Amino acid sequence: MPFAPSLPVMLRTEDGVRIDAVHTPSRAGTTGVGIVVAHGFTGSWRERTARRIVHVLSGYGGVVAFDFRGHGHSGGESTVGDLEILDVDAAVRHARVIGYDKVAVLGFSMGAAVAVRHAALKRGIEAVVAVSGPARWYYRGTKPMRQVHWAIEQPIGRWAARVAKRTRIASGQWDPIPMPPHEAAGLITPTPLLVVHGDADSFFPLEHAHQLYDGAREPKQLWIEPGYGHAESAATPELIRRIGKWISSNLS
């Protein structure tokens, strides 16, 4: 089945970074609802998995998907969750400009952490969904996350990420260290928050979902998904439809 038609967009952040994006109009005729989709680390809106998610979501509203800085066709370098809130903000602003008066942000993995921090620090959205997201920084408790930190912290790791994943990672340490997602979650209210996490996530165990949820105030929901792995690659169309319905119910 072909994906819903999309329109290429070039955005620019507050700090001048060029962001590669795409707008998929609603297939459902819900012209007032916009959904911004934020991918995971080393991801891209151009990947087939991400495009399938956008297609499903377009049944619930118009969708703006984009590549974070340092990823794919976007400019700049990845700061792995810090300045990326400016990328989300550029996408939200674009959604407003093209006519969506109610906007939700849906983030996966790193994108989930950024979505939560954006909702807390930039505000101005009507709902936020964090899927497979970390609650805190520097987590190394699983093998995949130890590999992620190697890619971020070692010169050869950053070279490998650039060559294999088209992801350009900034060198050096965070200064200052950004507010962790579980603390940012407490500042989102009254914006509704949905935390979605799989019990088969090989990157972040369920404790992250519980810490993120416990850090938030009402209105909030926590979905623990049996057998669900990590982020976009494991997300079924059925799960995305449920998320789309949750967004619709909170933006209607």
Protein backbone atom coordinates (compact mmCIF):
# COMPACT_ATOMS: atom_id res chain seq x y z
CA MET A 1 0.00 0.00 0.00
CA PRO A 2 1.49 3.40 -0.94
CA PHE A 3 2.16 5.94 1.78
CA ALA A 4 0.07 9.08 2.08
CA PRO A 5 1.43 11.91 -0.12
CA SER A 6 3.88 14.25 1.59
CA LEU A 7 5.29 17.71 0.97
CA PRO A 8 9.01 18.41 1.58
CA VAL A 9 9.77 21.29 3.95
CA MET A 10 12.98 23.04 4.99
CA LEU A 11 12.88 24.55 8.48
CA ARG A 12 15.32 26.73 10.39
CA THR A 13 15.79 26.66 14.16
CA GLU A 14 16.22 29.60 16.53
CA ASP A 15 19.98 29.01 16.48
CA GLY A 16 20.13 28.88 12.69
CA VAL A 17 20.31 25.14 11.98
CA ARG A 18 18.66 23.93 8.77
CA ILE A 19 16.18 21.10 9.44
CA ASP A 20 14.97 18.68 6.75
CA ALA A 21 11.26 17.94 7.24
CA VAL A 22 8.12 16.69 5.55
CA HIS A 23 4.44 17.53 5.93
CA THR A 24 1.81 14.82 5.42
CA PRO A 25 -1.72 16.28 5.34
CA SER A 26 -4.46 14.52 7.25
CA ARG A 27 -6.22 11.66 5.48
CA ALA A 28 -9.11 11.98 7.92
CA GLY A 29 -10.12 15.54 7.17
CA THR A 30 -9.12 16.65 10.69
CA THR A 31 -7.60 19.92 9.52
CA GLY A 32 -7.08 21.45 12.97
CA VAL A 33 -4.97 18.68 14.51
CA GLY A 34 -1.21 18.55 13.90
CA ILE A 35 1.19 15.82 15.06
CA VAL A 36 4.95 16.43 15.17
CA VAL A 37 7.01 13.22 15.08
CA ALA A 38 10.52 13.16 16.60
CA HIS A 39 12.66 10.14 15.71
CA GLY A 40 15.20 8.26 17.78
CA PHE A 41 19.01 8.60 17.78
CA THR A 42 20.51 7.82 14.32
CA GLY A 43 16.99 7.73 12.85
CA SER A 44 15.38 9.72 10.03
CA TRP A 45 11.92 10.55 8.77
CA ARG A 46 13.04 9.08 5.43
CA GLU A 47 13.35 5.53 6.80
CA ARG A 48 10.55 3.21 5.74
CA THR A 49 9.64 2.42 9.36
CA ALA A 50 9.23 6.12 10.15
CA ARG A 51 7.24 6.76 6.97
CA ARG A 52 4.87 3.92 7.86
CA ILE A 53 4.29 5.50 11.29
CA VAL A 54 3.58 8.89 9.68
CA HIS A 55 1.14 7.25 7.26
CA VAL A 56 -0.83 5.66 10.11
CA LEU A 57 -0.82 8.89 12.14
CA SER A 58 -2.14 10.87 9.16
CA GLY A 59 -5.41 9.08 9.78
CA TYR A 60 -5.72 11.20 12.95
CA GLY A 61 -4.29 14.56 11.88
CA GLY A 62 -1.72 16.27 9.71
CA VAL A 63 1.85 15.15 10.45
CA VAL A 64 5.14 17.07 10.43
CA ALA A 65 8.14 14.73 10.61
CA PHE A 66 11.75 15.90 10.52
CA ASP A 67 15.39 14.89 10.88
CA PHE A 68 17.07 16.13 14.06
CA ARG A 69 20.21 18.25 13.68
CA GLY A 70 23.19 16.13 12.69
CA HIS A 71 20.91 13.46 11.19
CA GLY A 72 20.28 12.69 7.54
CA HIS A 73 19.74 15.79 5.40
CA SER A 74 19.56 18.25 8.31
CA GLY A 75 22.46 20.54 9.12
CA GLY A 76 24.49 20.88 12.29
CA GLU A 77 25.63 18.21 14.71
CA SER A 78 23.68 16.07 17.15
CA THR A 79 23.86 17.11 20.80
CA VAL A 80 22.00 13.88 21.71
CA GLY A 81 18.99 15.47 23.38
CA ASP A 82 20.08 18.97 24.43
CA LEU A 83 19.69 21.60 21.68
CA GLU A 84 17.30 19.27 19.86
CA ILE A 85 14.42 20.98 21.66
CA LEU A 86 14.99 23.82 19.17
CA ASP A 87 14.46 21.36 16.30
CA VAL A 88 11.13 20.23 17.75
CA ASP A 89 10.18 23.86 18.30
CA ALA A 90 10.85 24.68 14.64
CA ALA A 91 8.56 21.81 13.60
CA VAL A 92 5.83 22.92 16.02
CA ARG A 93 6.05 26.50 14.72
CA HIS A 94 5.70 25.23 11.16
CA ALA A 95 2.65 23.15 12.12
CA ARG A 96 1.06 26.33 13.50
CA VAL A 97 1.95 28.37 10.42
CA ILE A 98 0.30 25.89 8.04
CA GLY A 99 -2.92 26.00 10.02
CA TYR A 100 -2.91 23.43 12.84
CA ASP A 101 -4.31 25.13 15.93
CA LYS A 102 -3.80 22.09 18.16
CA VAL A 103 -0.43 20.32 18.08
CA ALA A 104 0.85 17.16 19.77
CA VAL A 105 4.49 16.01 19.82
CA LEU A 106 5.23 12.29 19.59
CA GLY A 107 8.83 11.26 20.31
CA PHE A 108 10.64 7.93 20.14
CA SER A 109 13.68 7.08 22.33
CA MET A 110 15.95 10.16 22.17
CA GLY A 111 13.04 11.94 20.50
CA ALA A 112 10.89 11.04 23.52
CA ALA A 113 13.38 12.70 25.89
CA VAL A 114 13.46 15.76 23.63
CA ALA A 115 9.65 15.87 23.38
CA VAL A 116 9.30 15.87 27.17
CA ARG A 117 11.98 18.55 27.62
CA HIS A 118 10.44 20.67 24.85
CA ALA A 119 6.99 20.46 26.45
CA ALA A 120 8.49 21.56 29.78
CA LEU A 121 10.85 24.30 28.61
CA LYS A 122 9.23 25.68 25.45
CA ARG A 123 5.62 24.74 26.16
CA GLY A 124 2.95 25.82 23.68
CA ILE A 125 1.66 22.36 22.66
CA GLU A 126 -1.55 20.53 23.51
CA ALA A 127 -0.25 16.98 24.17
CA VAL A 128 3.01 15.01 24.33
CA VAL A 129 3.72 11.29 23.85
CA ALA A 130 7.01 9.71 24.96
CA VAL A 131 7.65 6.24 23.50
CA SER A 132 10.61 4.12 24.70
CA GLY A 133 12.23 7.16 26.25
CA PRO A 134 14.96 7.44 28.90
CA ALA A 135 14.10 9.03 32.23
CA ARG A 136 17.67 10.10 32.98
CA TRP A 137 21.00 10.68 31.23
CA TYR A 138 24.18 8.56 31.06
CA TYR A 139 22.35 5.23 31.46
CA ARG A 140 24.73 2.34 30.68
CA GLY A 141 22.83 -0.57 32.21
CA THR A 142 22.24 -2.43 28.93
CA LYS A 143 24.60 -3.52 26.16
CA PRO A 144 22.88 -1.40 23.48
CA MET A 145 23.24 1.72 25.64
CA ARG A 146 26.92 0.99 26.29
CA GLN A 147 27.33 0.84 22.50
CA VAL A 148 25.47 4.15 22.11
CA HIS A 149 27.79 5.82 24.62
CA TRP A 150 30.83 4.46 22.77
CA ALA A 151 29.50 6.02 19.56
CA ILE A 152 28.93 9.35 21.30
CA GLU A 153 32.10 9.57 23.40
CA GLN A 154 34.86 8.01 21.24
CA PRO A 155 36.23 9.65 18.08
CA ILE A 156 36.11 6.34 16.21
CA GLY A 157 32.55 5.85 17.44
CA ARG A 158 31.50 9.22 16.08
CA TRP A 159 33.23 8.40 12.80
CA ALA A 160 31.36 5.09 12.60
CA ALA A 161 28.03 6.80 13.29
CA ARG A 162 28.73 9.34 10.55
CA VAL A 163 29.67 6.69 7.98
CA ALA A 164 27.14 3.98 8.83
CA LYS A 165 24.17 6.03 10.04
CA ARG A 166 24.64 9.49 8.49
CA THR A 167 24.65 10.85 12.04
CA ARG A 168 27.11 13.63 12.88
CA ILE A 169 27.68 13.86 16.63
CA ALA A 170 29.15 16.91 18.37
CA SER A 171 32.32 16.23 20.34
CA GLY A 172 32.82 17.39 23.92
CA GLN A 173 30.72 17.23 27.06
CA TRP A 174 27.38 18.85 27.84
CA ASP A 175 27.93 22.15 29.64
CA PRO A 176 25.68 22.63 31.46
CA ILE A 177 24.03 19.20 31.72
CA PRO A 178 20.44 19.49 30.44
CA MET A 179 17.52 18.93 32.78
CA PRO A 180 16.82 15.15 32.77
CA PRO A 181 13.47 14.02 31.32
CA HIS A 182 12.03 12.78 34.63
CA GLU A 183 12.49 16.25 36.12
CA ALA A 184 11.18 17.98 33.00
CA ALA A 185 8.07 15.76 33.14
CA GLY A 186 7.03 17.52 36.33
CA LEU A 187 6.86 20.87 34.51
CA ILE A 188 4.56 19.80 31.67
CA THR A 189 1.22 20.11 33.44
CA PRO A 190 -1.48 20.94 32.42
CA THR A 191 -0.39 19.48 29.07
CA PRO A 192 -1.41 15.78 29.00
CA LEU A 193 1.47 13.27 28.87
CA LEU A 194 1.35 9.69 27.58
CA VAL A 195 4.30 7.44 28.44
CA VAL A 196 4.55 4.27 26.32
CA HIS A 197 7.15 1.58 27.01
CA GLY A 198 7.66 -2.07 26.14
CA ASP A 199 8.53 -4.78 28.64
CA ALA A 200 10.93 -6.20 26.04
CA ASP A 201 12.90 -2.97 25.51
CA SER A 202 16.59 -3.88 25.18
CA PHE A 203 17.79 -0.26 25.58
CA PHE A 204 15.84 1.11 28.55
CA PRO A 205 14.18 -1.18 31.12
CA LEU A 206 10.74 -0.40 32.52
CA GLU A 207 12.20 1.54 35.45
CA HIS A 208 12.69 4.45 33.03
CA ALA A 209 9.00 4.52 32.11
CA HIS A 210 7.98 4.42 35.77
CA GLN A 211 10.47 7.16 36.74
CA LEU A 212 9.24 9.36 33.89
CA TYR A 213 5.59 8.74 34.77
CA ASP A 214 6.15 9.23 38.51
CA GLY A 215 7.96 12.51 37.82
CA ALA A 216 4.97 13.89 35.93
CA ARG A 217 1.80 15.41 37.34
CA GLU A 218 -1.75 14.90 36.12
CA PRO A 219 -3.01 14.60 33.47
CA LYS A 220 -0.84 11.60 32.60
CA GLN A 221 -1.11 7.99 31.42
CA LEU A 222 1.31 5.05 31.37
CA TRP A 223 1.02 2.21 28.87
CA ILE A 224 3.24 -0.82 29.47
CA GLU A 225 3.15 -2.83 26.25
CA PRO A 226 3.73 -6.62 26.56
CA GLY A 227 6.35 -7.94 24.13
CA TYR A 228 7.09 -4.50 22.70
CA GLY A 229 10.77 -3.81 22.03
CA HIS A 230 12.29 -0.41 21.36
CA ALA A 231 11.05 2.72 19.59
CA GLU A 232 10.03 2.93 15.93
CA SER A 233 11.43 -0.40 14.76
CA ALA A 234 9.15 -2.36 17.10
CA ALA A 235 6.04 -0.16 16.88
CA THR A 236 3.10 -1.97 15.28
CA PRO A 237 0.43 -0.16 13.26
CA GLU A 238 -2.05 -1.16 15.98
CA LEU A 239 0.01 0.63 18.66
CA ILE A 240 0.39 3.72 16.48
CA ARG A 241 -3.37 3.76 15.87
CA ARG A 242 -3.99 3.63 19.62
CA ILE A 243 -1.58 6.53 20.10
CA GLY A 244 -3.35 8.42 17.32
CA LYS A 245 -6.69 7.88 19.06
CA TRP A 246 -5.21 9.09 22.37
CA ILE A 247 -3.92 12.23 20.66
CA SER A 248 -7.29 12.81 19.00
CA SER A 249 -9.14 12.41 22.28
CA ASN A 250 -6.89 14.96 23.99
CA LEU A 251 -6.90 17.48 21.14
CA SER A 252 -10.60 17.35 20.28
